[in-house]
């Protein structure tokens, strides 16, 4: 892990960002005391497009009908 002071971080921010993108962790210190860490952020997960299961899933008309008595008893209801 690399440590730089605030002045160096301000002067070389673009270079430090490039290093962070490559996976290096950089600690920014003020008067020799660490105050912040510059790290790479994981890319956001891609959103799945809607409708990819269209035609593959069937929901019956009685989907929300009450369960049979035997099954309700098995669940203690």
N, C-alpha and C. Protein backbone atom coordinates (compact mmCIF):
# COMPACT_ATOMS: atom_id res chain seq x y z
N UNK A 1 0.86 -1.16 0.00
CA UNK A 1 0.00 0.00 0.00
C UNK A 1 0.91 1.23 0.00
N UNK A 2 0.61 2.13 -0.89
CA UNK A 2 1.40 3.34 -1.06
C UNK A 2 0.81 4.47 -0.23
N UNK A 3 1.67 5.30 0.38
CA UNK A 3 1.19 6.45 1.15
C UNK A 3 1.75 7.73 0.54
N UNK A 4 0.89 8.72 0.35
CA UNK A 4 1.30 10.02 -0.19
C UNK A 4 0.74 11.11 0.70
N UNK A 5 1.38 12.28 0.68
CA UNK A 5 0.84 13.39 1.46
C UNK A 5 -0.19 14.15 0.64
N UNK A 6 -0.92 15.04 1.29
CA UNK A 6 -2.02 15.75 0.64
C UNK A 6 -1.51 16.56 -0.56
N UNK A 7 -0.38 17.22 -0.41
CA UNK A 7 0.15 18.03 -1.52
C UNK A 7 0.44 17.16 -2.74
N UNK A 8 1.09 16.02 -2.51
CA UNK A 8 1.39 15.11 -3.63
C UNK A 8 0.09 14.57 -4.25
N UNK A 9 -0.90 14.28 -3.41
CA UNK A 9 -2.18 13.76 -3.92
C UNK A 9 -2.85 14.80 -4.81
N UNK A 10 -2.82 16.08 -4.40
CA UNK A 10 -3.43 17.12 -5.22
C UNK A 10 -2.65 17.33 -6.51
N UNK A 11 -1.34 17.24 -6.42
CA UNK A 11 -0.50 17.48 -7.60
C UNK A 11 -0.60 16.35 -8.62
N UNK A 12 -0.72 15.12 -8.14
CA UNK A 12 -0.67 13.94 -9.03
C UNK A 12 -1.96 13.12 -8.97
N UNK A 13 -3.09 13.78 -8.81
CA UNK A 13 -4.35 13.05 -8.66
C UNK A 13 -4.64 12.13 -9.84
N UNK A 14 -4.44 12.59 -11.06
CA UNK A 14 -4.73 11.75 -12.23
C UNK A 14 -3.90 10.48 -12.23
N UNK A 15 -2.62 10.60 -11.90
CA UNK A 15 -1.73 9.43 -11.85
C UNK A 15 -2.17 8.48 -10.73
N UNK A 16 -2.53 9.03 -9.58
CA UNK A 16 -2.96 8.20 -8.46
C UNK A 16 -4.28 7.49 -8.78
N UNK A 17 -5.20 8.17 -9.48
CA UNK A 17 -6.45 7.53 -9.90
C UNK A 17 -6.18 6.37 -10.84
N UNK A 18 -5.25 6.55 -11.76
CA UNK A 18 -4.90 5.46 -12.69
C UNK A 18 -4.35 4.27 -11.92
N UNK A 19 -3.52 4.53 -10.91
CA UNK A 19 -2.97 3.44 -10.10
C UNK A 19 -4.08 2.74 -9.32
N UNK A 20 -5.03 3.50 -8.80
CA UNK A 20 -6.15 2.91 -8.08
C UNK A 20 -7.01 2.05 -9.01
N UNK A 21 -7.20 2.51 -10.24
CA UNK A 21 -7.97 1.73 -11.23
C UNK A 21 -7.30 0.39 -11.49
N UNK A 22 -5.99 0.34 -11.38
CA UNK A 22 -5.25 -0.90 -11.60
C UNK A 22 -5.25 -1.80 -10.37
N UNK A 23 -5.87 -1.33 -9.27
CA UNK A 23 -6.00 -2.16 -8.08
C UNK A 23 -5.11 -1.77 -6.92
N UNK A 24 -4.26 -0.78 -7.10
CA UNK A 24 -3.38 -0.36 -6.01
C UNK A 24 -4.17 0.50 -5.01
N UNK A 25 -3.89 0.31 -3.72
CA UNK A 25 -4.51 1.13 -2.69
C UNK A 25 -3.53 2.23 -2.29
N UNK A 26 -4.02 3.45 -2.24
CA UNK A 26 -3.18 4.60 -1.92
C UNK A 26 -3.75 5.28 -0.68
N UNK A 27 -2.91 5.46 0.33
CA UNK A 27 -3.32 6.15 1.55
C UNK A 27 -2.86 7.59 1.44
N UNK A 28 -3.78 8.51 1.74
CA UNK A 28 -3.46 9.94 1.72
C UNK A 28 -3.29 10.36 3.17
N UNK A 29 -2.14 10.99 3.46
CA UNK A 29 -1.81 11.37 4.83
C UNK A 29 -1.64 12.88 4.95
N UNK A 30 -1.97 13.38 6.14
CA UNK A 30 -1.74 14.79 6.46
C UNK A 30 -0.77 14.80 7.64
N UNK A 31 0.36 15.46 7.47
CA UNK A 31 1.40 15.51 8.51
C UNK A 31 1.82 14.11 8.94
N UNK A 32 1.86 13.18 7.98
CA UNK A 32 2.30 11.82 8.26
C UNK A 32 1.24 10.91 8.86
N UNK A 33 0.04 11.43 9.13
CA UNK A 33 -1.03 10.62 9.70
C UNK A 33 -2.06 10.28 8.62
N UNK A 34 -2.33 9.00 8.39
CA UNK A 34 -3.30 8.59 7.37
C UNK A 34 -4.69 9.16 7.67
N UNK A 35 -5.31 9.74 6.64
CA UNK A 35 -6.66 10.29 6.79
C UNK A 35 -7.65 9.74 5.78
N UNK A 36 -7.18 9.19 4.67
CA UNK A 36 -8.09 8.67 3.64
C UNK A 36 -7.39 7.58 2.83
N UNK A 37 -8.21 6.76 2.18
CA UNK A 37 -7.66 5.70 1.32
C UNK A 37 -8.31 5.81 -0.05
N UNK A 38 -7.50 5.79 -1.09
CA UNK A 38 -7.98 5.83 -2.46
C UNK A 38 -7.93 4.40 -2.99
N UNK A 39 -9.13 3.84 -3.30
CA UNK A 39 -9.21 2.46 -3.78
C UNK A 39 -10.12 2.39 -4.99
N UNK A 40 -9.98 1.32 -5.75
CA UNK A 40 -10.80 1.08 -6.92
C UNK A 40 -12.20 0.70 -6.49
N UNK A 41 -13.20 1.21 -7.15
CA UNK A 41 -14.59 0.85 -6.90
C UNK A 41 -14.97 -0.24 -7.89
N UNK A 42 -15.59 -1.29 -7.38
CA UNK A 42 -16.02 -2.38 -8.26
C UNK A 42 -17.08 -1.86 -9.23
N UNK A 43 -17.03 -2.30 -10.48
CA UNK A 43 -18.04 -1.84 -11.44
C UNK A 43 -19.44 -2.25 -11.00
N UNK A 44 -20.39 -1.40 -11.29
CA UNK A 44 -21.79 -1.68 -10.92
C UNK A 44 -22.30 -2.89 -11.70
N UNK A 45 -23.14 -3.66 -11.03
CA UNK A 45 -23.73 -4.82 -11.68
C UNK A 45 -24.65 -4.36 -12.81
N UNK A 46 -24.60 -5.08 -13.92
CA UNK A 46 -25.47 -4.73 -15.04
C UNK A 46 -26.90 -5.07 -14.70
N UNK A 47 -27.80 -4.20 -15.05
CA UNK A 47 -29.22 -4.46 -14.84
C UNK A 47 -29.72 -5.42 -15.91
N UNK A 48 -30.49 -6.38 -15.47
CA UNK A 48 -31.05 -7.34 -16.42
C UNK A 48 -32.22 -6.70 -17.14
N UNK A 49 -32.32 -6.93 -18.43
CA UNK A 49 -33.46 -6.36 -19.17
C UNK A 49 -34.75 -7.06 -18.77
N UNK A 50 -35.83 -6.31 -18.75
CA UNK A 50 -37.13 -6.86 -18.40
C UNK A 50 -37.67 -7.72 -19.55
N UNK A 51 -38.44 -8.73 -19.19
CA UNK A 51 -39.13 -9.53 -20.20
C UNK A 51 -38.35 -10.71 -20.74
N UNK A 52 -37.19 -11.04 -20.15
CA UNK A 52 -36.39 -12.14 -20.71
C UNK A 52 -37.02 -13.51 -20.46
N UNK A 53 -37.97 -13.61 -19.51
CA UNK A 53 -38.63 -14.89 -19.24
C UNK A 53 -40.02 -14.96 -19.87
N UNK A 54 -40.34 -13.99 -20.68
CA UNK A 54 -41.67 -13.96 -21.29
C UNK A 54 -41.90 -15.26 -22.09
N UNK A 55 -43.05 -15.90 -21.82
CA UNK A 55 -43.38 -17.15 -22.50
C UNK A 55 -42.80 -18.38 -21.84
N UNK A 56 -41.92 -18.21 -20.86
CA UNK A 56 -41.29 -19.35 -20.18
C UNK A 56 -41.94 -19.65 -18.84
N UNK A 57 -42.65 -18.68 -18.29
CA UNK A 57 -43.28 -18.84 -16.98
C UNK A 57 -44.79 -18.78 -17.16
N UNK A 58 -45.48 -19.73 -16.55
CA UNK A 58 -46.93 -19.76 -16.63
C UNK A 58 -47.48 -19.63 -15.21
N UNK A 59 -48.35 -18.67 -14.98
CA UNK A 59 -49.00 -18.49 -13.69
C UNK A 59 -50.47 -18.87 -13.87
N UNK A 60 -50.86 -19.91 -13.16
CA UNK A 60 -52.23 -20.41 -13.30
C UNK A 60 -53.22 -19.44 -12.69
N UNK A 61 -54.45 -19.50 -13.13
CA UNK A 61 -55.51 -18.62 -12.64
C UNK A 61 -55.78 -18.83 -11.16
N UNK A 62 -55.54 -20.06 -10.65
CA UNK A 62 -55.80 -20.33 -9.23
C UNK A 62 -54.53 -20.20 -8.38
N UNK A 63 -53.58 -19.44 -8.85
CA UNK A 63 -52.30 -19.26 -8.16
C UNK A 63 -52.49 -18.86 -6.69
N UNK A 64 -53.40 -17.96 -6.40
CA UNK A 64 -53.58 -17.46 -5.04
C UNK A 64 -54.78 -18.10 -4.32
N UNK A 65 -55.24 -19.23 -4.83
CA UNK A 65 -56.36 -19.95 -4.19
C UNK A 65 -55.88 -20.55 -2.88
N UNK A 66 -56.78 -20.77 -1.92
CA UNK A 66 -56.40 -21.38 -0.65
C UNK A 66 -55.80 -22.77 -0.87
N UNK A 67 -54.87 -23.16 -0.01
CA UNK A 67 -54.25 -24.48 -0.10
C UNK A 67 -55.23 -25.55 0.36
N UNK A 68 -55.05 -26.80 -0.10
CA UNK A 68 -55.89 -27.90 0.36
C UNK A 68 -55.72 -28.08 1.88
N UNK A 69 -56.76 -28.63 2.56
CA UNK A 69 -56.73 -28.80 4.02
C UNK A 69 -55.53 -29.61 4.48
N UNK A 70 -55.21 -30.69 3.77
CA UNK A 70 -54.09 -31.55 4.17
C UNK A 70 -52.77 -30.77 4.20
N UNK A 71 -52.58 -29.93 3.21
CA UNK A 71 -51.35 -29.15 3.12
C UNK A 71 -51.31 -28.07 4.20
N UNK A 72 -52.46 -27.46 4.49
CA UNK A 72 -52.52 -26.45 5.56
C UNK A 72 -52.18 -27.09 6.91
N UNK A 73 -52.71 -28.31 7.14
CA UNK A 73 -52.40 -29.02 8.39
C UNK A 73 -50.92 -29.32 8.50
N UNK A 74 -50.29 -29.68 7.39
CA UNK A 74 -48.87 -30.00 7.39
C UNK A 74 -48.04 -28.78 7.81
N UNK A 75 -48.52 -27.59 7.52
CA UNK A 75 -47.83 -26.37 7.90
C UNK A 75 -48.31 -25.83 9.24
N UNK A 76 -49.24 -26.55 9.88
CA UNK A 76 -49.73 -26.14 11.19
C UNK A 76 -50.72 -25.01 11.16
N UNK A 77 -51.37 -24.78 10.04
CA UNK A 77 -52.33 -23.68 9.93
C UNK A 77 -53.74 -24.17 10.04
